[in-house]
Amino acid sequence: MKKLLKNAVVFLKREDGPTAVEYAVMLALIVVVCIAAITAIGGASNQTFSQVGSAIKPS
């Protein structure tokens, strides 16, 4: 039981776990921002291409 408790204390004192979690959270935030930016740019470019396409269509 002492060995298990000692291993738990050593695990909690190590900095590797929290650092990995912090990197994962930062990566998730970057992915969310990228998806939002791509969605916004995609909608704006779709609207622009639709306007250009309807403007050059022969009537």
N, C-alpha and C. Protein backbone atom coordinates (compact mmCIF):
# COMPACT_ATOMS: atom_id res chain seq x y z
N MET A 1 0.83 -1.19 0.00
CA MET A 1 0.00 0.00 0.00
C MET A 1 0.87 1.25 0.00
N LYS A 2 2.00 1.18 0.74
CA LYS A 2 2.89 2.34 0.78
C LYS A 2 3.47 2.64 -0.60
N LYS A 3 3.79 1.58 -1.35
CA LYS A 3 4.36 1.76 -2.68
C LYS A 3 3.34 2.43 -3.61
N LEU A 4 2.10 2.02 -3.52
CA LEU A 4 1.04 2.62 -4.34
C LEU A 4 0.88 4.09 -4.00
N LEU A 5 0.86 4.42 -2.74
CA LEU A 5 0.74 5.81 -2.31
C LEU A 5 1.94 6.62 -2.76
N LYS A 6 3.13 6.03 -2.64
CA LYS A 6 4.34 6.72 -3.07
C LYS A 6 4.32 6.98 -4.57
N ASN A 7 3.89 6.00 -5.35
CA ASN A 7 3.79 6.17 -6.80
C ASN A 7 2.76 7.24 -7.17
N ALA A 8 1.67 7.29 -6.44
CA ALA A 8 0.65 8.30 -6.70
C ALA A 8 1.20 9.70 -6.43
N VAL A 9 1.94 9.86 -5.35
CA VAL A 9 2.53 11.16 -5.02
C VAL A 9 3.54 11.57 -6.07
N VAL A 10 4.38 10.64 -6.51
CA VAL A 10 5.37 10.93 -7.55
C VAL A 10 4.67 11.33 -8.84
N PHE A 11 3.61 10.62 -9.19
CA PHE A 11 2.86 10.92 -10.41
C PHE A 11 2.26 12.32 -10.35
N LEU A 12 1.70 12.68 -9.21
CA LEU A 12 1.08 14.00 -9.08
C LEU A 12 2.10 15.13 -9.05
N LYS A 13 3.31 14.85 -8.61
CA LYS A 13 4.35 15.88 -8.56
C LYS A 13 5.00 16.11 -9.90
N ARG A 14 4.95 15.12 -10.79
CA ARG A 14 5.58 15.29 -12.09
C ARG A 14 4.85 16.36 -12.89
N GLU A 15 5.58 17.06 -13.72
CA GLU A 15 5.02 18.15 -14.51
C GLU A 15 4.59 17.70 -15.90
N ASP A 16 4.85 16.46 -16.27
CA ASP A 16 4.56 16.02 -17.63
C ASP A 16 3.06 15.97 -17.91
N GLY A 17 2.28 15.50 -16.97
CA GLY A 17 0.85 15.37 -17.18
C GLY A 17 0.16 16.70 -17.41
N PRO A 18 0.32 17.65 -16.50
CA PRO A 18 -0.33 18.96 -16.71
C PRO A 18 0.14 19.65 -17.97
N THR A 19 1.42 19.51 -18.32
CA THR A 19 1.92 20.15 -19.53
C THR A 19 1.24 19.56 -20.75
N ALA A 20 1.06 18.27 -20.79
CA ALA A 20 0.39 17.63 -21.92
C ALA A 20 -1.07 18.09 -22.01
N VAL A 21 -1.71 18.23 -20.88
CA VAL A 21 -3.10 18.70 -20.87
C VAL A 21 -3.17 20.13 -21.38
N GLU A 22 -2.23 20.97 -20.96
CA GLU A 22 -2.22 22.35 -21.42
C GLU A 22 -2.03 22.42 -22.93
N TYR A 23 -1.12 21.61 -23.45
CA TYR A 23 -0.92 21.59 -24.90
C TYR A 23 -2.16 21.09 -25.62
N ALA A 24 -2.84 20.12 -25.07
CA ALA A 24 -4.06 19.61 -25.69
C ALA A 24 -5.15 20.68 -25.71
N VAL A 25 -5.27 21.44 -24.63
CA VAL A 25 -6.28 22.51 -24.59
C VAL A 25 -5.92 23.60 -25.60
N MET A 26 -4.66 23.97 -25.69
CA MET A 26 -4.25 24.98 -26.67
C MET A 26 -4.51 24.49 -28.09
N LEU A 27 -4.21 23.23 -28.36
CA LEU A 27 -4.46 22.67 -29.68
C LEU A 27 -5.95 22.69 -30.01
N ALA A 28 -6.77 22.33 -29.04
CA ALA A 28 -8.22 22.35 -29.26
C ALA A 28 -8.72 23.76 -29.56
N LEU A 29 -8.20 24.76 -28.84
CA LEU A 29 -8.60 26.14 -29.11
C LEU A 29 -8.15 26.60 -30.48
N ILE A 30 -6.96 26.22 -30.89
CA ILE A 30 -6.47 26.58 -32.22
C ILE A 30 -7.34 25.95 -33.29
N VAL A 31 -7.72 24.70 -33.10
CA VAL A 31 -8.57 24.01 -34.07
C VAL A 31 -9.93 24.71 -34.18
N VAL A 32 -10.50 25.10 -33.04
CA VAL A 32 -11.80 25.79 -33.05
C VAL A 32 -11.70 27.11 -33.79
N VAL A 33 -10.63 27.87 -33.55
CA VAL A 33 -10.45 29.16 -34.23
C VAL A 33 -10.28 28.94 -35.73
N CYS A 34 -9.50 27.94 -36.11
CA CYS A 34 -9.31 27.65 -37.54
C CYS A 34 -10.62 27.25 -38.21
N ILE A 35 -11.40 26.43 -37.57
CA ILE A 35 -12.68 26.03 -38.15
C ILE A 35 -13.61 27.23 -38.30
N ALA A 36 -13.63 28.10 -37.29
CA ALA A 36 -14.47 29.30 -37.38
C ALA A 36 -14.01 30.20 -38.51
N ALA A 37 -12.71 30.38 -38.66
CA ALA A 37 -12.18 31.24 -39.72
C ALA A 37 -12.47 30.65 -41.09
N ILE A 38 -12.28 29.35 -41.25
CA ILE A 38 -12.55 28.72 -42.54
C ILE A 38 -14.03 28.80 -42.88
N THR A 39 -14.89 28.64 -41.90
CA THR A 39 -16.33 28.75 -42.14
C THR A 39 -16.70 30.15 -42.58
N ALA A 40 -16.14 31.16 -41.90
CA ALA A 40 -16.45 32.55 -42.26
C ALA A 40 -15.92 32.89 -43.64
N ILE A 41 -14.70 32.50 -43.94
CA ILE A 41 -14.11 32.78 -45.25
C ILE A 41 -14.86 32.02 -46.34
N GLY A 42 -15.24 30.78 -46.04
CA GLY A 42 -15.98 29.98 -47.01
C GLY A 42 -17.32 30.59 -47.35
N GLY A 43 -18.02 31.09 -46.36
CA GLY A 43 -19.32 31.73 -46.61
C GLY A 43 -19.17 33.00 -47.42
N ALA A 44 -18.17 33.80 -47.09
CA ALA A 44 -17.96 35.05 -47.82
C ALA A 44 -17.52 34.78 -49.25
N SER A 45 -16.64 33.82 -49.44
CA SER A 45 -16.19 33.52 -50.81
C SER A 45 -17.31 32.89 -51.63
N ASN A 46 -18.14 32.08 -51.02
CA ASN A 46 -19.28 31.49 -51.73
C ASN A 46 -20.21 32.58 -52.23
N GLN A 47 -20.47 33.56 -51.39
CA GLN A 47 -21.33 34.67 -51.78
C GLN A 47 -20.69 35.45 -52.92
N THR A 48 -19.41 35.71 -52.85
CA THR A 48 -18.71 36.46 -53.90
C THR A 48 -18.73 35.69 -55.22
N PHE A 49 -18.44 34.40 -55.17
CA PHE A 49 -18.45 33.62 -56.40
C PHE A 49 -19.86 33.52 -56.99
N SER A 50 -20.86 33.47 -56.16
CA SER A 50 -22.24 33.44 -56.66
C SER A 50 -22.59 34.75 -57.35
N GLN A 51 -22.18 35.86 -56.78
CA GLN A 51 -22.45 37.16 -57.42
C GLN A 51 -21.72 37.27 -58.76
N VAL A 52 -20.48 36.87 -58.79
CA VAL A 52 -19.70 36.94 -60.03
C VAL A 52 -20.31 36.00 -61.07
N GLY A 53 -20.67 34.81 -60.65
CA GLY A 53 -21.26 33.85 -61.58
C GLY A 53 -22.56 34.33 -62.17
N SER A 54 -23.40 34.95 -61.37
CA SER A 54 -24.67 35.45 -61.91
C SER A 54 -24.45 36.71 -62.75
N ALA A 55 -23.40 37.45 -62.50
CA ALA A 55 -23.14 38.65 -63.28
C ALA A 55 -22.62 38.32 -64.68
N ILE A 56 -21.90 37.21 -64.83
CA ILE A 56 -21.34 36.88 -66.15
C ILE A 56 -22.20 35.89 -66.93
N LYS A 57 -23.32 35.44 -66.37
CA LYS A 57 -24.19 34.54 -67.09
C LYS A 57 -24.83 35.28 -68.28
N PRO A 58 -24.86 34.64 -69.43
CA PRO A 58 -25.56 35.29 -70.56
C PRO A 58 -27.06 35.32 -70.30
N SER A 59 -27.68 36.44 -70.63
CA SER A 59 -29.11 36.53 -70.40
C SER A 59 -29.90 36.21 -71.63
